[in-house]
Structures are given as structure tokens and as C-alpha cells.
Amino acid sequence: MISAVQIAKLCSMGKQELDQLRKIVLALPDVNERRGPGGAICFFVGDKQTRNRQTLCYYHDNYRGNDRVSVWCPADASFQEMMVFTKPTRFFKPATSSSGAFKTWIGIVLDATGKDETDWGEVADILERAFRKMAPKKLVAALDS
């Protein structure tokens, strides 16, 4: 039997992390938010009304019951490997889909505590890298201006 306290904790799990994530990604040029497959919160670069957009990141709160709050975003394979190897409690390789999606994406744990506490400056840097990888040149130029 689950207690009322446990239910309250599960309902609020990740709210602060999502608010902080939104501040970072929605400050980037032409990034918008919507629900994606399976109800995940997704952030896209480009026109939200058309297919002419690129996925910037997926926010996950207790994804498949893993009790973890995280964000997944595209990364270069070498960067992904380095971060997962050097900081395995803060970064992970998301499961690759059958179509090969997420193969070089990086997962960032957002609800870490103690010595592994989330470094939001580092998260912002990684999301900016993902933006530069996915966004059209004109939006990268807008970011740099």
C-alpha cells in the first residue's frame, strides 16, 4: 500500500528540475515545448506547426519506473562516451530505439544530490551544444549575436 506522502512525492517529482530546464531551453532561439510520444515533454527547435523542426531534448520524469528525473539530448559520440565514462552517476547512455534513435544521445540525471548534485551550468552548456548540433545555421547565428 502506498502512503499519501509517497503519492505526494511522486506527483511533485521533477517539478523543480523541469522548471529549471525550461528556463534554459526556452531561452534558446526558436525553441518550443510540446508533448511527444508517450506523453514525454519534448523541446524542439523550429516551427512547432510543421514537420520542419528538430528535437532538442526530451525530459523524463520516472521514465519506465526508473525513479530518475533526466533529460536526453543529442551529442557527439565521443562527448557522450567521455561524460558517461568520467561521471557515470550524472550521465548515461539512453536506450537506443530499434530504429537507432538515441544512439549518440546523452542522458543527464537532473535530480542527483550530494557530491553528484546537478550542475545546472554544465546542463546549460550541454544543451547549448545540442542546440548548435540540431539548429539551422540562422538560429545558431542568432544565438551568437
C-alpha atoms as a PDB file:
ATOM      1  CA  MET A   1       0.000   0.000   0.000  1.00  0.00           C
ATOM      2  CA  ILE A   2       1.392   3.403  -0.989  1.00  0.00           C
ATOM      3  CA  SER A   3       1.062   6.221   1.540  1.00  0.00           C
ATOM      4  CA  ALA A   4      -0.309   9.714   0.941  1.00  0.00           C
ATOM      5  CA  VAL A   5       3.199  11.123   1.484  1.00  0.00           C
ATOM      6  CA  GLN A   6       4.630   8.806  -1.195  1.00  0.00           C
ATOM      7  CA  ILE A   7       1.849   9.787  -3.610  1.00  0.00           C
ATOM      8  CA  ALA A   8       2.518  13.495  -2.989  1.00  0.00           C
ATOM      9  CA  LYS A   9       6.239  12.954  -3.581  1.00  0.00           C
ATOM     10  CA  LEU A  10       5.600  11.095  -6.846  1.00  0.00           C
ATOM     11  CA  CYS A  11       3.206  13.794  -8.076  1.00  0.00           C
ATOM     12  CA  SER A  12       5.755  16.555  -7.467  1.00  0.00           C
ATOM     13  CA  MET A  13       8.781  14.536  -8.602  1.00  0.00           C
ATOM     14  CA  GLY A  14      10.801  16.593 -11.027  1.00  0.00           C
ATOM     15  CA  LYS A  15       8.798  19.840 -10.904  1.00  0.00           C
ATOM     16  CA  GLN A  16      11.782  21.980  -9.846  1.00  0.00           C
ATOM     17  CA  GLU A  17      14.014  20.256 -12.376  1.00  0.00           C
ATOM     18  CA  LEU A  18      11.503  20.804 -15.187  1.00  0.00           C
ATOM     19  CA  ASP A  19      11.151  24.482 -14.251  1.00  0.00           C
ATOM     20  CA  GLN A  20      14.948  24.913 -14.336  1.00  0.00           C
ATOM     21  CA  LEU A  21      15.200  23.009 -17.634  1.00  0.00           C
ATOM     22  CA  ARG A  22      12.521  25.223 -19.182  1.00  0.00           C
ATOM     23  CA  LYS A  23      14.457  28.370 -18.198  1.00  0.00           C
ATOM     24  CA  ILE A  24      17.498  27.044 -20.031  1.00  0.00           C
ATOM     25  CA  VAL A  25      15.996  25.655 -23.233  1.00  0.00           C
ATOM     26  CA  LEU A  26      13.230  28.178 -23.817  1.00  0.00           C
ATOM     27  CA  ALA A  27      15.851  30.950 -23.716  1.00  0.00           C
ATOM     28  CA  LEU A  28      17.417  29.478 -26.877  1.00  0.00           C
ATOM     29  CA  PRO A  29      16.217  30.911 -30.228  1.00  0.00           C
ATOM     30  CA  ASP A  30      13.007  29.409 -31.672  1.00  0.00           C
ATOM     31  CA  VAL A  31      12.738  26.562 -29.126  1.00  0.00           C
ATOM     32  CA  ASN A  32       9.261  25.415 -28.201  1.00  0.00           C
ATOM     33  CA  GLU A  33       7.744  22.770 -25.976  1.00  0.00           C
ATOM     34  CA  ARG A  34       5.104  20.139 -26.570  1.00  0.00           C
ATOM     35  CA  ARG A  35       4.130  16.641 -25.544  1.00  0.00           C
ATOM     36  CA  GLY A  36       5.788  13.923 -27.550  1.00  0.00           C
ATOM     37  CA  PRO A  37       5.342  10.184 -27.933  1.00  0.00           C
ATOM     38  CA  GLY A  38       4.144   8.522 -24.760  1.00  0.00           C
ATOM     39  CA  GLY A  39       3.414  11.888 -23.159  1.00  0.00           C
ATOM     40  CA  ALA A  40       7.068  12.869 -22.695  1.00  0.00           C
ATOM     41  CA  ILE A  41       7.784  16.588 -22.574  1.00  0.00           C
ATOM     42  CA  CYS A  42       9.807  17.489 -25.664  1.00  0.00           C
ATOM     43  CA  PHE A  43      11.607  20.635 -26.690  1.00  0.00           C
ATOM     44  CA  PHE A  44      12.007  21.340 -30.394  1.00  0.00           C
ATOM     45  CA  VAL A  45      13.980  23.797 -32.487  1.00  0.00           C
ATOM     46  CA  GLY A  46      11.910  25.251 -35.286  1.00  0.00           C
ATOM     47  CA  ASP A  47       8.303  25.651 -36.313  1.00  0.00           C
ATOM     48  CA  LYS A  48       6.027  23.731 -33.984  1.00  0.00           C
ATOM     49  CA  GLN A  49       3.236  23.694 -36.573  1.00  0.00           C
ATOM     50  CA  THR A  50       5.144  21.758 -39.231  1.00  0.00           C
ATOM     51  CA  ARG A  51       7.495  18.823 -39.566  1.00  0.00           C
ATOM     52  CA  ASN A  52      10.310  21.320 -40.195  1.00  0.00           C
ATOM     53  CA  ARG A  53      11.715  21.046 -36.683  1.00  0.00           C
ATOM     54  CA  GLN A  54      14.470  19.197 -34.865  1.00  0.00           C
ATOM     55  CA  THR A  55      14.282  17.599 -31.450  1.00  0.00           C
ATOM     56  CA  LEU A  56      16.461  19.426 -28.933  1.00  0.00           C
ATOM     57  CA  CYS A  57      15.737  17.257 -25.899  1.00  0.00           C
ATOM     58  CA  TYR A  58      13.301  15.002 -24.088  1.00  0.00           C
ATOM     59  CA  TYR A  59      12.508  15.487 -20.407  1.00  0.00           C
ATOM     60  CA  HIS A  60      11.778  12.288 -18.490  1.00  0.00           C
ATOM     61  CA  ASP A  61      10.284  12.002 -15.030  1.00  0.00           C
ATOM     62  CA  ASN A  62      10.336   8.405 -13.750  1.00  0.00           C
ATOM     63  CA  TYR A  63      10.832   7.015 -17.273  1.00  0.00           C
ATOM     64  CA  ARG A  64       9.649   3.410 -17.292  1.00  0.00           C
ATOM     65  CA  GLY A  65       9.665   3.408 -13.496  1.00  0.00           C
ATOM     66  CA  ASN A  66      13.363   4.223 -13.068  1.00  0.00           C
ATOM     67  CA  ASP A  67      12.744   6.767 -10.237  1.00  0.00           C
ATOM     68  CA  ARG A  68      15.024   9.232 -12.022  1.00  0.00           C
ATOM     69  CA  VAL A  69      14.450  12.706 -13.424  1.00  0.00           C
ATOM     70  CA  SER A  70      16.526  13.237 -16.555  1.00  0.00           C
ATOM     71  CA  VAL A  71      16.897  14.982 -19.869  1.00  0.00           C
ATOM     72  CA  TRP A  72      18.117  13.313 -23.067  1.00  0.00           C
ATOM     73  CA  CYS A  73      19.713  15.326 -25.856  1.00  0.00           C
ATOM     74  CA  PRO A  74      21.817  14.757 -28.981  1.00  0.00           C
ATOM     75  CA  ALA A  75      25.579  14.699 -28.527  1.00  0.00           C
ATOM     76  CA  ASP A  76      28.658  13.723 -30.456  1.00  0.00           C
ATOM     77  CA  ALA A  77      29.537  10.083 -29.778  1.00  0.00           C
ATOM     78  CA  SER A  78      32.952  10.978 -28.339  1.00  0.00           C
ATOM     79  CA  PHE A  79      31.418  13.532 -25.956  1.00  0.00           C
ATOM     80  CA  GLN A  80      28.762  11.058 -24.845  1.00  0.00           C
ATOM     81  CA  GLU A  81      31.361   8.368 -24.158  1.00  0.00           C
ATOM     82  CA  MET A  82      33.644  10.751 -22.261  1.00  0.00           C
ATOM     83  CA  MET A  83      30.878  12.089 -19.993  1.00  0.00           C
ATOM     84  CA  VAL A  84      29.423   8.656 -19.242  1.00  0.00           C
ATOM     85  CA  PHE A  85      32.897   7.267 -18.510  1.00  0.00           C
ATOM     86  CA  THR A  86      34.092  10.146 -16.319  1.00  0.00           C
ATOM     87  CA  LYS A  87      30.808  10.890 -14.496  1.00  0.00           C
ATOM     88  CA  PRO A  88      28.666   7.726 -14.580  1.00  0.00           C
ATOM     89  CA  THR A  89      26.446   8.839 -11.686  1.00  0.00           C
ATOM     90  CA  ARG A  90      25.444  12.016 -13.546  1.00  0.00           C
ATOM     91  CA  PHE A  91      25.400  10.893 -17.195  1.00  0.00           C
ATOM     92  CA  PHE A  92      24.191   7.813 -19.032  1.00  0.00           C
ATOM     93  CA  LYS A  93      23.559   6.414 -22.490  1.00  0.00           C
ATOM     94  CA  PRO A  94      19.813   6.366 -23.184  1.00  0.00           C
ATOM     95  CA  ALA A  95      18.440   3.128 -24.561  1.00  0.00           C
ATOM     96  CA  THR A  96      18.752   3.063 -28.347  1.00  0.00           C
ATOM     97  CA  SER A  97      15.456   2.523 -30.152  1.00  0.00           C
ATOM     98  CA  SER A  98      15.010  -0.203 -32.761  1.00  0.00           C
ATOM     99  CA  SER A  99      15.398   2.487 -35.459  1.00  0.00           C
ATOM    100  CA  GLY A 100      18.740   3.574 -33.985  1.00  0.00           C
ATOM    101  CA  ALA A 101      17.428   6.783 -32.443  1.00  0.00           C
ATOM    102  CA  PHE A 102      19.264   7.949 -29.316  1.00  0.00           C
ATOM    103  CA  LYS A 103      22.428   6.022 -30.219  1.00  0.00           C
ATOM    104  CA  THR A 104      24.679   9.021 -29.607  1.00  0.00           C
ATOM    105  CA  TRP A 105      22.370  10.943 -27.286  1.00  0.00           C
ATOM    106  CA  ILE A 106      23.405  11.687 -23.730  1.00  0.00           C
ATOM    107  CA  GLY A 107      21.210  11.307 -20.680  1.00  0.00           C
ATOM    108  CA  ILE A 108      21.708  13.779 -17.844  1.00  0.00           C
ATOM    109  CA  VAL A 109      20.456  12.980 -14.355  1.00  0.00           C
ATOM    110  CA  LEU A 110      18.693  16.102 -13.075  1.00  0.00           C
ATOM    111  CA  ASP A 111      17.726  15.040  -9.557  1.00  0.00           C
ATOM    112  CA  ALA A 112      21.135  13.967  -8.259  1.00  0.00           C
ATOM    113  CA  THR A 113      22.089  15.049  -4.757  1.00  0.00           C
ATOM    114  CA  GLY A 114      25.196  15.237  -2.601  1.00  0.00           C
ATOM    115  CA  LYS A 115      28.534  15.142  -4.416  1.00  0.00           C
ATOM    116  CA  ASP A 116      26.672  14.280  -7.637  1.00  0.00           C
ATOM    117  CA  GLU A 117      24.276  17.223  -7.375  1.00  0.00           C
ATOM    118  CA  THR A 118      23.173  18.620 -10.710  1.00  0.00           C
ATOM    119  CA  ASP A 119      25.439  21.335 -12.077  1.00  0.00           C
ATOM    120  CA  TRP A 120      22.927  23.483 -13.965  1.00  0.00           C
ATOM    121  CA  GLY A 121      25.694  25.466 -15.669  1.00  0.00           C
ATOM    122  CA  GLU A 122      27.023  22.213 -17.101  1.00  0.00           C
ATOM    123  CA  VAL A 123      23.497  21.185 -18.136  1.00  0.00           C
ATOM    124  CA  ALA A 124      23.063  24.542 -19.906  1.00  0.00           C
ATOM    125  CA  ASP A 125      26.393  24.085 -21.737  1.00  0.00           C
ATOM    126  CA  ILE A 126      25.428  20.592 -22.897  1.00  0.00           C
ATOM    127  CA  LEU A 127      22.009  21.763 -24.084  1.00  0.00           C
ATOM    128  CA  GLU A 128      23.641  24.639 -25.967  1.00  0.00           C
ATOM    129  CA  ARG A 129      25.931  22.093 -27.663  1.00  0.00           C
ATOM    130  CA  ALA A 130      22.843  20.073 -28.616  1.00  0.00           C
ATOM    131  CA  PHE A 131      21.191  23.230 -29.949  1.00  0.00           C
ATOM    132  CA  ARG A 132      24.230  24.027 -32.097  1.00  0.00           C
ATOM    133  CA  LYS A 133      24.155  20.470 -33.438  1.00  0.00           C
ATOM    134  CA  MET A 134      20.429  20.471 -34.305  1.00  0.00           C
ATOM    135  CA  ALA A 135      19.500  24.073 -35.136  1.00  0.00           C
ATOM    136  CA  PRO A 136      19.682  25.682 -38.570  1.00  0.00           C
ATOM    137  CA  LYS A 137      22.658  27.979 -39.140  1.00  0.00           C
ATOM    138  CA  LYS A 138      20.497  31.111 -38.913  1.00  0.00           C
ATOM    139  CA  LEU A 139      19.405  30.185 -35.380  1.00  0.00           C
ATOM    140  CA  VAL A 140      22.974  29.385 -34.323  1.00  0.00           C
ATOM    141  CA  ALA A 141      23.943  32.812 -35.661  1.00  0.00           C
ATOM    142  CA  ALA A 142      21.083  34.365 -33.657  1.00  0.00           C
ATOM    143  CA  LEU A 143      22.412  32.655 -30.533  1.00  0.00           C
ATOM    144  CA  ASP A 144      25.886  34.064 -31.180  1.00  0.00           C
ATOM    145  CA  SER A 145      24.714  37.626 -31.811  1.00  0.00           C
END
